[in-house]
Amino acid sequence: MSLYRIELDDTEIKLLLVAIRQVEHTFTIAEAQSVAGGEPLTADYQDVRESYQRLHRKLSTAGETNDSGKPYLIK
């Protein structure tokens, strides 16, 4: 796995966090629809979901803080 160092401003980090939450919301809907339809989830589904969750954790703990010194909370 390659590691990259890029500079992101606060707004870009917030945008990425919001996008990840939207993807997770889409996963939740797709999962509910699959269960309701009696269809199994594909084998790689959970791996992809976990990748998004890891990325979300990395971005949300990237050390970005607001004026009070506390991490940003994106809702």
N, C-alpha and C. Protein backbone atom coordinates (compact mmCIF):
# COMPACT_ATOMS: atom_id res chain seq x y z
N MET A 1 0.85 -1.17 0.00
CA MET A 1 0.00 0.00 0.00
C MET A 1 0.89 1.24 0.00
N SER A 2 0.61 2.16 -0.87
CA SER A 2 1.34 3.42 -0.94
C SER A 2 0.74 4.42 0.03
N LEU A 3 1.60 5.24 0.60
CA LEU A 3 1.14 6.32 1.46
C LEU A 3 1.36 7.64 0.73
N TYR A 4 0.38 8.52 0.82
CA TYR A 4 0.47 9.82 0.18
C TYR A 4 0.30 10.90 1.23
N ARG A 5 1.01 11.97 1.06
CA ARG A 5 0.85 13.13 1.94
C ARG A 5 0.31 14.26 1.08
N ILE A 6 -0.89 14.68 1.41
CA ILE A 6 -1.48 15.82 0.71
C ILE A 6 -2.00 16.80 1.75
N GLU A 7 -2.02 18.05 1.37
CA GLU A 7 -2.54 19.06 2.26
C GLU A 7 -4.01 19.29 1.95
N LEU A 8 -4.82 19.24 2.99
CA LEU A 8 -6.25 19.50 2.87
C LEU A 8 -6.61 20.59 3.86
N ASP A 9 -7.42 21.53 3.41
CA ASP A 9 -7.88 22.54 4.37
C ASP A 9 -9.10 22.01 5.11
N ASP A 10 -9.55 22.76 6.11
CA ASP A 10 -10.67 22.32 6.94
C ASP A 10 -11.91 22.00 6.11
N THR A 11 -12.18 22.84 5.14
CA THR A 11 -13.38 22.64 4.30
C THR A 11 -13.28 21.34 3.51
N GLU A 12 -12.12 21.05 2.96
CA GLU A 12 -11.95 19.82 2.18
C GLU A 12 -12.11 18.58 3.06
N ILE A 13 -11.59 18.63 4.27
CA ILE A 13 -11.77 17.50 5.19
C ILE A 13 -13.24 17.32 5.53
N LYS A 14 -13.93 18.42 5.80
CA LYS A 14 -15.37 18.35 6.09
C LYS A 14 -16.13 17.77 4.92
N LEU A 15 -15.79 18.18 3.70
CA LEU A 15 -16.47 17.66 2.51
C LEU A 15 -16.26 16.16 2.37
N LEU A 16 -15.06 15.71 2.61
CA LEU A 16 -14.78 14.27 2.53
C LEU A 16 -15.54 13.50 3.61
N LEU A 17 -15.60 14.03 4.81
CA LEU A 17 -16.34 13.36 5.89
C LEU A 17 -17.83 13.27 5.56
N VAL A 18 -18.39 14.34 5.01
CA VAL A 18 -19.80 14.33 4.63
C VAL A 18 -20.04 13.32 3.51
N ALA A 19 -19.14 13.27 2.54
CA ALA A 19 -19.29 12.31 1.43
C ALA A 19 -19.23 10.87 1.95
N ILE A 20 -18.33 10.61 2.88
CA ILE A 20 -18.24 9.26 3.45
C ILE A 20 -19.52 8.91 4.20
N ARG A 21 -20.05 9.84 4.95
CA ARG A 21 -21.32 9.57 5.66
C ARG A 21 -22.45 9.29 4.69
N GLN A 22 -22.47 9.99 3.56
CA GLN A 22 -23.50 9.74 2.55
C GLN A 22 -23.35 8.33 1.96
N VAL A 23 -22.12 7.91 1.72
CA VAL A 23 -21.88 6.55 1.21
C VAL A 23 -22.35 5.53 2.25
N GLU A 24 -22.03 5.77 3.52
CA GLU A 24 -22.47 4.84 4.56
C GLU A 24 -23.99 4.79 4.66
N HIS A 25 -24.64 5.93 4.48
CA HIS A 25 -26.10 5.97 4.47
C HIS A 25 -26.64 5.13 3.31
N THR A 26 -26.01 5.27 2.16
CA THR A 26 -26.41 4.48 0.99
C THR A 26 -26.22 3.00 1.27
N PHE A 27 -25.11 2.62 1.92
CA PHE A 27 -24.89 1.22 2.29
C PHE A 27 -26.00 0.72 3.20
N THR A 28 -26.40 1.53 4.16
CA THR A 28 -27.46 1.13 5.10
C THR A 28 -28.77 0.88 4.37
N ILE A 29 -29.10 1.75 3.44
CA ILE A 29 -30.33 1.57 2.66
C ILE A 29 -30.25 0.31 1.81
N ALA A 30 -29.12 0.12 1.13
CA ALA A 30 -28.95 -1.06 0.28
C ALA A 30 -29.02 -2.35 1.09
N GLU A 31 -28.42 -2.32 2.27
CA GLU A 31 -28.45 -3.49 3.15
C GLU A 31 -29.88 -3.81 3.58
N ALA A 32 -30.63 -2.79 3.96
CA ALA A 32 -32.02 -2.99 4.38
C ALA A 32 -32.86 -3.54 3.23
N GLN A 33 -32.63 -3.02 2.03
CA GLN A 33 -33.39 -3.49 0.87
C GLN A 33 -33.04 -4.94 0.54
N SER A 34 -31.77 -5.30 0.67
CA SER A 34 -31.36 -6.68 0.41
C SER A 34 -31.99 -7.63 1.41
N VAL A 35 -31.96 -7.24 2.68
CA VAL A 35 -32.56 -8.09 3.71
C VAL A 35 -34.06 -8.23 3.48
N ALA A 36 -34.72 -7.12 3.16
CA ALA A 36 -36.17 -7.16 2.92
C ALA A 36 -36.51 -8.02 1.71
N GLY A 37 -35.62 -8.03 0.72
CA GLY A 37 -35.86 -8.82 -0.49
C GLY A 37 -35.36 -10.24 -0.38
N GLY A 38 -34.78 -10.58 0.76
CA GLY A 38 -34.27 -11.94 0.96
C GLY A 38 -33.02 -12.22 0.16
N GLU A 39 -32.30 -11.19 -0.25
CA GLU A 39 -31.09 -11.36 -1.04
C GLU A 39 -29.86 -11.26 -0.13
N PRO A 40 -28.89 -12.13 -0.34
CA PRO A 40 -27.67 -12.04 0.47
C PRO A 40 -26.80 -10.87 0.01
N LEU A 41 -26.01 -10.34 0.93
CA LEU A 41 -25.05 -9.31 0.57
C LEU A 41 -23.85 -9.96 -0.09
N THR A 42 -23.22 -9.27 -1.02
CA THR A 42 -22.04 -9.83 -1.67
C THR A 42 -20.90 -9.96 -0.66
N ALA A 43 -19.99 -10.85 -0.93
CA ALA A 43 -18.91 -11.16 0.01
C ALA A 43 -18.01 -9.97 0.29
N ASP A 44 -17.77 -9.12 -0.69
CA ASP A 44 -16.85 -8.00 -0.49
C ASP A 44 -17.53 -6.76 0.07
N TYR A 45 -18.82 -6.82 0.29
CA TYR A 45 -19.58 -5.67 0.78
C TYR A 45 -19.03 -5.15 2.10
N GLN A 46 -18.83 -6.05 3.05
CA GLN A 46 -18.37 -5.64 4.38
C GLN A 46 -16.96 -5.06 4.32
N ASP A 47 -16.10 -5.61 3.46
CA ASP A 47 -14.74 -5.08 3.33
C ASP A 47 -14.76 -3.64 2.82
N VAL A 48 -15.62 -3.36 1.86
CA VAL A 48 -15.73 -1.99 1.32
C VAL A 48 -16.26 -1.06 2.40
N ARG A 49 -17.28 -1.50 3.12
CA ARG A 49 -17.85 -0.68 4.18
C ARG A 49 -16.80 -0.37 5.26
N GLU A 50 -16.02 -1.38 5.64
CA GLU A 50 -14.97 -1.18 6.64
C GLU A 50 -13.89 -0.22 6.13
N SER A 51 -13.60 -0.25 4.85
CA SER A 51 -12.62 0.68 4.27
C SER A 51 -13.11 2.12 4.42
N TYR A 52 -14.38 2.35 4.15
CA TYR A 52 -14.94 3.69 4.33
C TYR A 52 -14.92 4.11 5.80
N GLN A 53 -15.20 3.17 6.69
CA GLN A 53 -15.18 3.48 8.12
C GLN A 53 -13.77 3.84 8.59
N ARG A 54 -12.75 3.11 8.09
CA ARG A 54 -11.36 3.43 8.44
C ARG A 54 -10.98 4.82 7.93
N LEU A 55 -11.37 5.12 6.70
CA LEU A 55 -11.07 6.43 6.14
C LEU A 55 -11.74 7.53 6.95
N HIS A 56 -12.98 7.30 7.36
CA HIS A 56 -13.70 8.28 8.17
C HIS A 56 -12.96 8.52 9.49
N ARG A 57 -12.51 7.45 10.14
CA ARG A 57 -11.76 7.60 11.39
C ARG A 57 -10.47 8.38 11.17
N LYS A 58 -9.75 8.07 10.10
CA LYS A 58 -8.50 8.78 9.81
C LYS A 58 -8.75 10.27 9.62
N LEU A 59 -9.76 10.60 8.83
CA LEU A 59 -10.02 12.01 8.55
C LEU A 59 -10.55 12.74 9.78
N SER A 60 -11.37 12.06 10.58
CA SER A 60 -11.97 12.75 11.72
C SER A 60 -10.99 12.88 12.88
N THR A 61 -9.88 12.14 12.84
CA THR A 61 -8.87 12.26 13.88
C THR A 61 -7.56 12.82 13.31
N ALA A 62 -7.66 13.56 12.23
CA ALA A 62 -6.47 14.07 11.54
C ALA A 62 -5.84 15.24 12.28
N GLY A 63 -6.35 15.56 13.47
CA GLY A 63 -5.76 16.63 14.24
C GLY A 63 -6.36 17.99 13.93
N GLU A 64 -7.36 18.01 13.07
CA GLU A 64 -8.01 19.28 12.75
C GLU A 64 -8.86 19.69 13.95
N THR A 65 -8.67 20.92 14.41
CA THR A 65 -9.44 21.41 15.54
C THR A 65 -10.05 22.76 15.21
N ASN A 66 -11.08 23.11 15.94
CA ASN A 66 -11.70 24.42 15.77
C ASN A 66 -11.07 25.41 16.74
N ASP A 67 -11.60 26.61 16.83
CA ASP A 67 -11.01 27.65 17.67
C ASP A 67 -10.93 27.27 19.15
N SER A 68 -11.82 26.38 19.59
CA SER A 68 -11.80 25.97 21.00
C SER A 68 -10.77 24.88 21.27
N GLY A 69 -10.11 24.39 20.21
CA GLY A 69 -9.13 23.33 20.38
C GLY A 69 -9.72 21.94 20.35
N LYS A 70 -11.03 21.85 20.15
CA LYS A 70 -11.69 20.56 20.09
C LYS A 70 -11.81 20.10 18.64
N PRO A 71 -11.84 18.77 18.40
CA PRO A 71 -11.99 18.28 17.03
C PRO A 71 -13.33 18.72 16.45
N TYR A 72 -13.34 18.89 15.14
CA TYR A 72 -14.60 19.20 14.46
C TYR A 72 -15.52 18.00 14.51
N LEU A 73 -16.77 18.24 14.73
CA LEU A 73 -17.79 17.20 14.66
C LEU A 73 -18.65 17.49 13.46
N ILE A 74 -18.72 16.54 12.56
CA ILE A 74 -19.52 16.70 11.35
C ILE A 74 -20.79 15.87 11.53
N LYS A 75 -21.92 16.54 11.44
CA LYS A 75 -23.19 15.81 11.60
C LYS A 75 -23.92 15.78 10.29
